[in-house]
Amino acid sequence: MIRSVRIHEFGGADVLKIEDAAVREPGPGQVRLRIHAVGLNRTEVTLRSGRSPVKPSLPCSVGFEAAGVIEALGPDVSGFVVGDRVALVPAYTAPHGVASSPSGRSAPGRPC
């Protein structure tokens, strides 16, 4: 099990809930990370409040910026290995952000 910050309705900070969630195996082209730190900032405030131009389906996880290490690789992943340190940052030109490593390698992220 993992801990995840989720919202089930739009509103103030009181709608943020920390919940247990099942650990999923990564699919094709995906990696699974062990997150060491997550950033909750203006993007999450706008999303959580319902003022985001594009509203997610609820419930939804929040925390689009994070740092951690790769824990598992899905099929068709190249350029990364288990144990690589990576950072997730929103990339507004990519559909779901990117994961990048200290060596400068990057890969597309996945939707929340």
N, C-alpha and C. Protein backbone atom coordinates (compact mmCIF):
# COMPACT_ATOMS: atom_id res chain seq x y z
N MET A 1 0.84 -1.18 0.00
CA MET A 1 0.00 0.00 0.00
C MET A 1 0.89 1.25 0.00
N ILE A 2 0.36 2.30 -0.61
CA ILE A 2 1.01 3.60 -0.60
C ILE A 2 0.06 4.61 0.02
N ARG A 3 0.58 5.78 0.36
CA ARG A 3 -0.24 6.89 0.87
C ARG A 3 -0.35 7.90 -0.27
N SER A 4 -1.56 8.42 -0.49
CA SER A 4 -1.80 9.32 -1.60
C SER A 4 -2.67 10.48 -1.13
N VAL A 5 -2.37 11.70 -1.58
CA VAL A 5 -3.20 12.87 -1.29
C VAL A 5 -4.26 12.92 -2.38
N ARG A 6 -5.54 12.84 -1.99
CA ARG A 6 -6.63 12.77 -2.96
C ARG A 6 -7.73 13.76 -2.60
N ILE A 7 -8.50 14.13 -3.63
CA ILE A 7 -9.70 14.93 -3.41
C ILE A 7 -10.90 14.18 -4.01
N HIS A 8 -12.03 14.28 -3.31
CA HIS A 8 -13.26 13.65 -3.78
C HIS A 8 -14.30 14.71 -4.16
N GLU A 9 -14.00 15.96 -3.82
CA GLU A 9 -14.87 17.08 -4.16
C GLU A 9 -14.01 18.33 -4.24
N PHE A 10 -14.49 19.35 -4.94
CA PHE A 10 -13.77 20.61 -5.03
C PHE A 10 -14.07 21.45 -3.79
N GLY A 11 -13.07 22.22 -3.33
CA GLY A 11 -13.28 23.07 -2.16
C GLY A 11 -11.98 23.55 -1.57
N GLY A 12 -12.03 23.89 -0.28
CA GLY A 12 -10.88 24.39 0.45
C GLY A 12 -9.92 23.28 0.84
N ALA A 13 -8.91 23.64 1.62
CA ALA A 13 -7.88 22.67 2.02
C ALA A 13 -8.47 21.48 2.77
N ASP A 14 -9.65 21.63 3.35
CA ASP A 14 -10.25 20.54 4.12
C ASP A 14 -10.71 19.38 3.24
N VAL A 15 -10.74 19.56 1.90
CA VAL A 15 -11.12 18.44 1.03
C VAL A 15 -9.94 17.52 0.71
N LEU A 16 -8.72 17.92 1.06
CA LEU A 16 -7.55 17.07 0.86
C LEU A 16 -7.60 15.91 1.85
N LYS A 17 -7.47 14.71 1.34
CA LYS A 17 -7.50 13.51 2.18
C LYS A 17 -6.27 12.66 1.90
N ILE A 18 -5.64 12.17 2.94
CA ILE A 18 -4.53 11.22 2.78
C ILE A 18 -5.12 9.83 2.90
N GLU A 19 -4.96 9.04 1.83
CA GLU A 19 -5.59 7.73 1.77
C GLU A 19 -4.57 6.66 1.39
N ASP A 20 -4.87 5.44 1.78
CA ASP A 20 -4.08 4.29 1.33
C ASP A 20 -4.56 3.91 -0.06
N ALA A 21 -3.63 3.50 -0.90
CA ALA A 21 -3.96 3.06 -2.26
C ALA A 21 -3.10 1.85 -2.60
N ALA A 22 -3.62 1.01 -3.49
CA ALA A 22 -2.88 -0.18 -3.92
C ALA A 22 -1.70 0.23 -4.79
N VAL A 23 -0.61 -0.50 -4.70
CA VAL A 23 0.56 -0.29 -5.56
C VAL A 23 0.30 -1.04 -6.86
N ARG A 24 0.42 -0.32 -7.99
CA ARG A 24 0.18 -0.94 -9.30
C ARG A 24 1.52 -1.22 -9.97
N GLU A 25 1.52 -2.26 -10.79
CA GLU A 25 2.69 -2.55 -11.61
C GLU A 25 2.70 -1.56 -12.78
N PRO A 26 3.89 -1.09 -13.19
CA PRO A 26 3.96 -0.16 -14.32
C PRO A 26 3.58 -0.85 -15.63
N GLY A 27 2.87 -0.12 -16.47
CA GLY A 27 2.48 -0.62 -17.78
C GLY A 27 3.56 -0.33 -18.80
N PRO A 28 3.28 -0.59 -20.07
CA PRO A 28 4.27 -0.33 -21.12
C PRO A 28 4.70 1.13 -21.15
N GLY A 29 6.01 1.34 -21.15
CA GLY A 29 6.57 2.68 -21.20
C GLY A 29 6.49 3.45 -19.89
N GLN A 30 6.05 2.81 -18.80
CA GLN A 30 5.91 3.48 -17.50
C GLN A 30 6.95 2.97 -16.51
N VAL A 31 7.20 3.78 -15.49
CA VAL A 31 8.03 3.37 -14.36
C VAL A 31 7.23 3.57 -13.08
N ARG A 32 7.57 2.82 -12.05
CA ARG A 32 6.97 3.05 -10.73
C ARG A 32 8.05 3.68 -9.85
N LEU A 33 7.67 4.73 -9.15
CA LEU A 33 8.62 5.46 -8.31
C LEU A 33 8.34 5.25 -6.84
N ARG A 34 9.39 5.29 -6.04
CA ARG A 34 9.24 5.44 -4.60
C ARG A 34 9.47 6.93 -4.35
N ILE A 35 8.41 7.63 -4.00
CA ILE A 35 8.45 9.08 -3.84
C ILE A 35 9.06 9.42 -2.48
N HIS A 36 10.03 10.33 -2.50
CA HIS A 36 10.67 10.79 -1.26
C HIS A 36 10.14 12.15 -0.84
N ALA A 37 9.67 12.96 -1.80
CA ALA A 37 9.13 14.28 -1.48
C ALA A 37 8.13 14.67 -2.56
N VAL A 38 7.09 15.37 -2.17
CA VAL A 38 6.09 15.84 -3.12
C VAL A 38 5.81 17.31 -2.85
N GLY A 39 5.55 18.06 -3.91
CA GLY A 39 5.22 19.48 -3.76
C GLY A 39 3.75 19.72 -4.02
N LEU A 40 3.09 20.39 -3.10
CA LEU A 40 1.71 20.83 -3.29
C LEU A 40 1.75 22.35 -3.35
N ASN A 41 1.36 22.93 -4.48
CA ASN A 41 1.50 24.37 -4.64
C ASN A 41 0.31 24.96 -5.40
N ARG A 42 0.54 26.04 -6.13
CA ARG A 42 -0.55 26.76 -6.79
C ARG A 42 -1.36 25.88 -7.74
N THR A 43 -0.70 25.01 -8.48
CA THR A 43 -1.41 24.13 -9.39
C THR A 43 -2.42 23.27 -8.64
N GLU A 44 -2.00 22.70 -7.52
CA GLU A 44 -2.90 21.87 -6.73
C GLU A 44 -4.02 22.70 -6.09
N VAL A 45 -3.71 23.92 -5.66
CA VAL A 45 -4.74 24.80 -5.07
C VAL A 45 -5.82 25.09 -6.11
N THR A 46 -5.40 25.43 -7.33
CA THR A 46 -6.35 25.73 -8.40
C THR A 46 -7.17 24.50 -8.75
N LEU A 47 -6.53 23.35 -8.85
CA LEU A 47 -7.22 22.10 -9.14
C LEU A 47 -8.20 21.76 -8.02
N ARG A 48 -7.71 21.79 -6.79
CA ARG A 48 -8.53 21.42 -5.63
C ARG A 48 -9.75 22.32 -5.47
N SER A 49 -9.59 23.59 -5.76
CA SER A 49 -10.69 24.55 -5.57
C SER A 49 -11.75 24.46 -6.66
N GLY A 50 -11.43 23.79 -7.77
CA GLY A 50 -12.37 23.70 -8.88
C GLY A 50 -12.24 24.85 -9.86
N ARG A 51 -11.21 25.70 -9.68
CA ARG A 51 -11.01 26.85 -10.57
C ARG A 51 -10.09 26.54 -11.75
N SER A 52 -9.64 25.31 -11.86
CA SER A 52 -8.76 24.91 -12.96
C SER A 52 -9.55 24.93 -14.27
N PRO A 53 -8.93 25.41 -15.37
CA PRO A 53 -9.64 25.44 -16.65
C PRO A 53 -10.09 24.05 -17.10
N VAL A 54 -9.32 23.03 -16.76
CA VAL A 54 -9.68 21.65 -17.07
C VAL A 54 -9.87 20.93 -15.75
N LYS A 55 -11.07 20.48 -15.50
CA LYS A 55 -11.36 19.82 -14.23
C LYS A 55 -11.17 18.31 -14.37
N PRO A 56 -10.47 17.72 -13.41
CA PRO A 56 -10.26 16.26 -13.46
C PRO A 56 -11.52 15.52 -13.04
N SER A 57 -11.58 14.26 -13.40
CA SER A 57 -12.62 13.38 -12.87
C SER A 57 -12.29 13.12 -11.41
N LEU A 58 -13.27 13.13 -10.57
CA LEU A 58 -13.06 12.90 -9.14
C LEU A 58 -13.45 11.46 -8.80
N PRO A 59 -12.79 10.83 -7.84
CA PRO A 59 -11.66 11.37 -7.06
C PRO A 59 -10.39 11.43 -7.90
N CYS A 60 -9.46 12.27 -7.47
CA CYS A 60 -8.20 12.47 -8.19
C CYS A 60 -7.07 12.66 -7.18
N SER A 61 -5.89 12.19 -7.54
CA SER A 61 -4.70 12.43 -6.73
C SER A 61 -4.11 13.79 -7.09
N VAL A 62 -3.47 14.42 -6.14
CA VAL A 62 -2.76 15.67 -6.40
C VAL A 62 -1.31 15.50 -6.01
N GLY A 63 -0.47 16.41 -6.49
CA GLY A 63 0.96 16.34 -6.24
C GLY A 63 1.69 16.10 -7.54
N PHE A 64 1.83 17.16 -8.34
CA PHE A 64 2.40 17.03 -9.67
C PHE A 64 3.91 17.20 -9.69
N GLU A 65 4.49 17.65 -8.59
CA GLU A 65 5.94 17.78 -8.49
C GLU A 65 6.41 16.82 -7.41
N ALA A 66 7.42 16.02 -7.74
CA ALA A 66 7.90 15.03 -6.78
C ALA A 66 9.34 14.66 -7.08
N ALA A 67 9.98 14.04 -6.10
CA ALA A 67 11.32 13.51 -6.26
C ALA A 67 11.37 12.13 -5.62
N GLY A 68 12.09 11.22 -6.25
CA GLY A 68 12.19 9.88 -5.72
C GLY A 68 13.15 9.03 -6.53
N VAL A 69 12.98 7.72 -6.40
CA VAL A 69 13.83 6.78 -7.15
C VAL A 69 12.94 5.79 -7.89
N ILE A 70 13.45 5.30 -9.02
CA ILE A 70 12.72 4.31 -9.79
C ILE A 70 12.76 2.99 -9.05
N GLU A 71 11.57 2.42 -8.84
CA GLU A 71 11.42 1.18 -8.10
C GLU A 71 11.15 -0.02 -9.01
N ALA A 72 10.50 0.24 -10.16
CA ALA A 72 10.19 -0.84 -11.11
C ALA A 72 10.04 -0.25 -12.50
N LEU A 73 10.38 -1.05 -13.51
CA LEU A 73 10.27 -0.64 -14.91
C LEU A 73 9.20 -1.46 -15.60
N GLY A 74 8.38 -0.80 -16.40
CA GLY A 74 7.42 -1.51 -17.23
C GLY A 74 8.08 -1.93 -18.53
N PRO A 75 7.36 -2.72 -19.33
CA PRO A 75 7.90 -3.12 -20.64
C PRO A 75 8.19 -1.89 -21.51
N ASP A 76 9.16 -2.01 -22.36
CA ASP A 76 9.50 -0.97 -23.35
C ASP A 76 10.10 0.28 -22.74
N VAL A 77 10.61 0.23 -21.51
CA VAL A 77 11.28 1.39 -20.91
C VAL A 77 12.76 1.27 -21.22
N SER A 78 13.34 2.34 -21.76
CA SER A 78 14.78 2.36 -22.01
C SER A 78 15.34 3.67 -21.49
N GLY A 79 16.60 3.67 -21.15
CA GLY A 79 17.27 4.88 -20.69
C GLY A 79 17.17 5.11 -19.20
N PHE A 80 16.43 4.27 -18.49
CA PHE A 80 16.31 4.36 -17.04
C PHE A 80 16.56 2.98 -16.46
N VAL A 81 17.04 2.94 -15.21
CA VAL A 81 17.22 1.67 -14.50
C VAL A 81 16.66 1.81 -13.10
N VAL A 82 16.30 0.68 -12.51
CA VAL A 82 15.85 0.67 -11.12
C VAL A 82 16.94 1.31 -10.26
N GLY A 83 16.55 2.22 -9.38
CA GLY A 83 17.50 2.92 -8.52
C GLY A 83 17.85 4.31 -9.00
N ASP A 84 17.54 4.65 -10.27
CA ASP A 84 17.79 6.02 -10.75
C ASP A 84 17.01 7.02 -9.91
N ARG A 85 17.67 8.11 -9.52
CA ARG A 85 16.98 9.22 -8.85
C ARG A 85 16.33 10.08 -9.92
N VAL A 86 15.05 10.44 -9.70
CA VAL A 86 14.33 11.23 -10.69
C VAL A 86 13.51 12.32 -10.01
N ALA A 87 13.15 13.32 -10.79
CA ALA A 87 12.25 14.38 -10.35
C ALA A 87 11.11 14.46 -11.34
N LEU A 88 9.91 14.69 -10.86
CA LEU A 88 8.74 14.89 -11.70
C LEU A 88 8.40 16.37 -11.66
N VAL A 89 8.23 16.94 -12.82
CA VAL A 89 7.87 18.35 -12.91
C VAL A 89 6.77 18.51 -13.95
N PRO A 90 5.82 19.42 -13.70
CA PRO A 90 4.82 19.66 -14.74
C PRO A 90 5.49 20.18 -16.00
N ALA A 91 5.08 19.68 -17.12
CA ALA A 91 5.58 20.15 -18.42
C ALA A 91 4.36 20.48 -19.24
N TYR A 92 4.04 21.74 -19.33
CA TYR A 92 2.78 22.13 -19.93
C TYR A 92 2.77 21.94 -21.43
N THR A 93 3.91 21.57 -22.02
CA THR A 93 3.93 21.24 -23.44
C THR A 93 3.77 19.74 -23.65
N ALA A 94 3.86 18.96 -22.58
CA ALA A 94 3.67 17.51 -22.66
C ALA A 94 2.35 17.17 -21.96
N PRO A 95 1.67 16.11 -22.38
CA PRO A 95 0.35 15.85 -21.82
C PRO A 95 0.33 15.54 -20.33
N HIS A 96 1.37 14.93 -19.78
CA HIS A 96 1.33 14.53 -18.37
C HIS A 96 2.61 14.85 -17.63
N GLY A 97 3.38 15.83 -18.08
CA GLY A 97 4.62 16.16 -17.41
C GLY A 97 5.74 15.23 -17.83
N VAL A 98 6.87 15.37 -17.18
CA VAL A 98 8.02 14.53 -17.50
C VAL A 98 8.70 14.08 -16.22
N ALA A 99 9.41 12.98 -16.32
CA ALA A 99 10.30 12.53 -15.26
C ALA A 99 11.71 12.76 -15.77
N SER A 100 12.55 13.36 -14.96
CA SER A 100 13.93 13.57 -15.39
C SER A 100 14.88 13.14 -14.30
N SER A 101 16.08 12.77 -14.72
CA SER A 101 17.09 12.29 -13.78
C SER A 101 18.23 13.29 -13.72
N PRO A 102 19.11 13.18 -12.68
CA PRO A 102 20.25 14.09 -12.60
C PRO A 102 21.13 14.07 -13.84
N SER A 103 21.12 12.97 -14.60
CA SER A 103 21.95 12.90 -15.80
C SER A 103 21.31 13.61 -16.98
N GLY A 104 20.08 14.14 -16.80
CA GLY A 104 19.43 14.88 -17.87
C GLY A 104 18.49 14.04 -18.71
N ARG A 105 18.41 12.73 -18.46
CA ARG A 105 17.47 11.90 -19.21
C ARG A 105 16.05 12.28 -18.81
N SER A 106 15.11 12.20 -19.74
CA SER A 106 13.71 12.50 -19.40
C SER A 106 12.79 11.54 -20.12
N ALA A 107 11.58 11.41 -19.55
CA ALA A 107 10.56 10.53 -20.11
C ALA A 107 9.21 11.12 -19.81
N PRO A 108 8.22 10.87 -20.67
CA PRO A 108 6.88 11.41 -20.39
C PRO A 108 6.30 10.80 -19.14
N GLY A 109 5.51 11.58 -18.42
CA GLY A 109 4.82 11.09 -17.23
C GLY A 109 3.50 10.45 -17.61
N ARG A 110 2.71 10.14 -16.59
CA ARG A 110 1.40 9.54 -16.84
C ARG A 110 0.34 10.36 -16.14
N PRO A 111 -0.91 10.23 -16.56
CA PRO A 111 -1.97 11.03 -15.95
C PRO A 111 -2.21 10.66 -14.50
N CYS A 112 -2.79 11.59 -13.75
CA CYS A 112 -3.10 11.30 -12.35
C CYS A 112 -4.37 10.50 -12.25
